[in-house]
Amino acid sequence: MIAWKGANKVDQTWMSLITDVGGFPVAVTFYLLHRIETKLNTLIESIVTLPEKMK
């Protein structure tokens, strides 16, 4: 494994996990997390504007 200058143990653990598991499952996971994040942002915006709409 390549050790980066300034990388801490957690970063090294993640990089080790990614290289051991393979690229495809990691890519799918990051894609799904990105989709969930955008949906959560939309939900948060809706909740924030809800009190104004209820007036």
N, C-alpha and C. Protein backbone atom coordinates (compact mmCIF):
# COMPACT_ATOMS: atom_id res chain seq x y z
N MET A 1 0.84 -1.18 0.00
CA MET A 1 0.00 0.00 0.00
C MET A 1 0.88 1.23 0.00
N ILE A 2 0.44 2.27 -0.70
CA ILE A 2 1.19 3.52 -0.77
C ILE A 2 0.80 4.37 0.44
N ALA A 3 1.80 4.79 1.19
CA ALA A 3 1.55 5.66 2.34
C ALA A 3 1.76 7.10 1.91
N TRP A 4 0.73 7.91 2.06
CA TRP A 4 0.83 9.30 1.68
C TRP A 4 1.39 10.11 2.83
N LYS A 5 2.10 11.15 2.48
CA LYS A 5 2.66 12.03 3.49
C LYS A 5 1.52 12.74 4.20
N GLY A 6 1.46 12.62 5.51
CA GLY A 6 0.43 13.28 6.29
C GLY A 6 -0.85 12.48 6.42
N ALA A 7 -0.93 11.31 5.81
CA ALA A 7 -2.15 10.50 5.92
C ALA A 7 -2.19 9.85 7.29
N ASN A 8 -3.35 9.89 7.90
CA ASN A 8 -3.46 9.25 9.22
C ASN A 8 -3.89 7.80 9.06
N LYS A 9 -4.01 7.11 10.17
CA LYS A 9 -4.32 5.68 10.15
C LYS A 9 -5.69 5.40 9.55
N VAL A 10 -6.66 6.28 9.79
CA VAL A 10 -8.00 6.08 9.23
C VAL A 10 -7.95 6.15 7.71
N ASP A 11 -7.24 7.14 7.17
CA ASP A 11 -7.12 7.25 5.71
C ASP A 11 -6.46 6.01 5.13
N GLN A 12 -5.42 5.53 5.80
CA GLN A 12 -4.74 4.33 5.31
C GLN A 12 -5.66 3.12 5.37
N THR A 13 -6.49 3.06 6.42
CA THR A 13 -7.42 1.94 6.54
C THR A 13 -8.44 1.97 5.40
N TRP A 14 -8.97 3.16 5.08
CA TRP A 14 -9.93 3.28 3.98
C TRP A 14 -9.29 2.89 2.66
N MET A 15 -8.08 3.37 2.42
CA MET A 15 -7.41 3.05 1.16
C MET A 15 -7.14 1.55 1.07
N SER A 16 -6.77 0.94 2.18
CA SER A 16 -6.54 -0.50 2.20
C SER A 16 -7.84 -1.25 1.89
N LEU A 17 -8.93 -0.80 2.49
CA LEU A 17 -10.23 -1.43 2.25
C LEU A 17 -10.64 -1.31 0.79
N ILE A 18 -10.46 -0.14 0.22
CA ILE A 18 -10.84 0.09 -1.18
C ILE A 18 -10.03 -0.80 -2.11
N THR A 19 -8.73 -0.90 -1.88
CA THR A 19 -7.91 -1.72 -2.76
C THR A 19 -8.17 -3.20 -2.56
N ASP A 20 -8.50 -3.61 -1.33
CA ASP A 20 -8.77 -5.02 -1.08
C ASP A 20 -10.12 -5.46 -1.66
N VAL A 21 -11.13 -4.64 -1.51
CA VAL A 21 -12.48 -5.01 -1.94
C VAL A 21 -12.60 -4.89 -3.45
N GLY A 22 -12.00 -3.91 -4.03
CA GLY A 22 -12.11 -3.71 -5.47
C GLY A 22 -12.85 -2.43 -5.75
N GLY A 23 -12.74 -1.94 -6.93
CA GLY A 23 -13.28 -0.65 -7.29
C GLY A 23 -14.78 -0.59 -7.49
N PHE A 24 -15.38 -1.64 -8.03
CA PHE A 24 -16.79 -1.57 -8.38
C PHE A 24 -17.71 -1.38 -7.18
N PRO A 25 -17.61 -2.18 -6.13
CA PRO A 25 -18.50 -1.96 -4.98
C PRO A 25 -18.31 -0.60 -4.34
N VAL A 26 -17.09 -0.12 -4.32
CA VAL A 26 -16.82 1.19 -3.74
C VAL A 26 -17.46 2.28 -4.60
N ALA A 27 -17.32 2.15 -5.91
CA ALA A 27 -17.91 3.14 -6.82
C ALA A 27 -19.43 3.17 -6.67
N VAL A 28 -20.06 2.01 -6.59
CA VAL A 28 -21.51 1.95 -6.42
C VAL A 28 -21.93 2.57 -5.10
N THR A 29 -21.18 2.29 -4.04
CA THR A 29 -21.50 2.85 -2.73
C THR A 29 -21.42 4.37 -2.75
N PHE A 30 -20.34 4.93 -3.33
CA PHE A 30 -20.21 6.38 -3.38
C PHE A 30 -21.29 7.01 -4.25
N TYR A 31 -21.68 6.34 -5.32
CA TYR A 31 -22.76 6.85 -6.17
C TYR A 31 -24.08 6.90 -5.39
N LEU A 32 -24.38 5.83 -4.67
CA LEU A 32 -25.62 5.79 -3.90
C LEU A 32 -25.60 6.81 -2.76
N LEU A 33 -24.46 6.97 -2.11
CA LEU A 33 -24.36 7.97 -1.06
C LEU A 33 -24.57 9.37 -1.61
N HIS A 34 -24.07 9.63 -2.80
CA HIS A 34 -24.27 10.95 -3.43
C HIS A 34 -25.75 11.19 -3.72
N ARG A 35 -26.43 10.17 -4.23
CA ARG A 35 -27.87 10.31 -4.51
C ARG A 35 -28.66 10.54 -3.23
N ILE A 36 -28.33 9.80 -2.18
CA ILE A 36 -29.02 9.98 -0.91
C ILE A 36 -28.77 11.38 -0.36
N GLU A 37 -27.54 11.87 -0.53
CA GLU A 37 -27.22 13.20 -0.02
C GLU A 37 -28.06 14.28 -0.69
N THR A 38 -28.25 14.18 -2.01
CA THR A 38 -29.04 15.20 -2.70
C THR A 38 -30.50 15.13 -2.26
N LYS A 39 -31.01 13.93 -2.04
CA LYS A 39 -32.39 13.79 -1.58
C LYS A 39 -32.54 14.31 -0.15
N LEU A 40 -31.55 14.09 0.69
CA LEU A 40 -31.60 14.61 2.06
C LEU A 40 -31.54 16.13 2.06
N ASN A 41 -30.75 16.72 1.18
CA ASN A 41 -30.70 18.18 1.10
C ASN A 41 -32.05 18.75 0.70
N THR A 42 -32.73 18.11 -0.23
CA THR A 42 -34.07 18.54 -0.63
C THR A 42 -35.04 18.42 0.54
N LEU A 43 -34.95 17.34 1.28
CA LEU A 43 -35.82 17.13 2.45
C LEU A 43 -35.56 18.19 3.51
N ILE A 44 -34.30 18.50 3.76
CA ILE A 44 -33.96 19.53 4.76
C ILE A 44 -34.52 20.88 4.34
N GLU A 45 -34.38 21.23 3.07
CA GLU A 45 -34.93 22.50 2.58
C GLU A 45 -36.44 22.54 2.77
N SER A 46 -37.11 21.44 2.51
CA SER A 46 -38.57 21.39 2.68
C SER A 46 -38.96 21.57 4.14
N ILE A 47 -38.22 20.94 5.03
CA ILE A 47 -38.53 21.06 6.46
C ILE A 47 -38.28 22.48 6.95
N VAL A 48 -37.23 23.13 6.46
CA VAL A 48 -36.93 24.49 6.88
C VAL A 48 -38.02 25.46 6.42
N THR A 49 -38.55 25.26 5.21
CA THR A 49 -39.58 26.18 4.69
C THR A 49 -40.98 25.83 5.16
N LEU A 50 -41.16 24.71 5.81
CA LEU A 50 -42.48 24.27 6.26
C LEU A 50 -43.17 25.27 7.19
N PRO A 51 -42.50 25.81 8.22
CA PRO A 51 -43.19 26.77 9.09
C PRO A 51 -43.71 28.00 8.35
N GLU A 52 -42.99 28.46 7.34
CA GLU A 52 -43.45 29.61 6.57
C GLU A 52 -44.71 29.27 5.77
N LYS A 53 -44.78 28.04 5.26
CA LYS A 53 -45.92 27.62 4.46
C LYS A 53 -47.15 27.38 5.33
N MET A 54 -46.95 27.08 6.61
CA MET A 54 -48.06 26.78 7.49
C MET A 54 -48.73 28.04 8.05
N LYS A 55 -48.11 29.20 7.85
CA LYS A 55 -48.70 30.46 8.35
C LYS A 55 -49.91 30.86 7.58
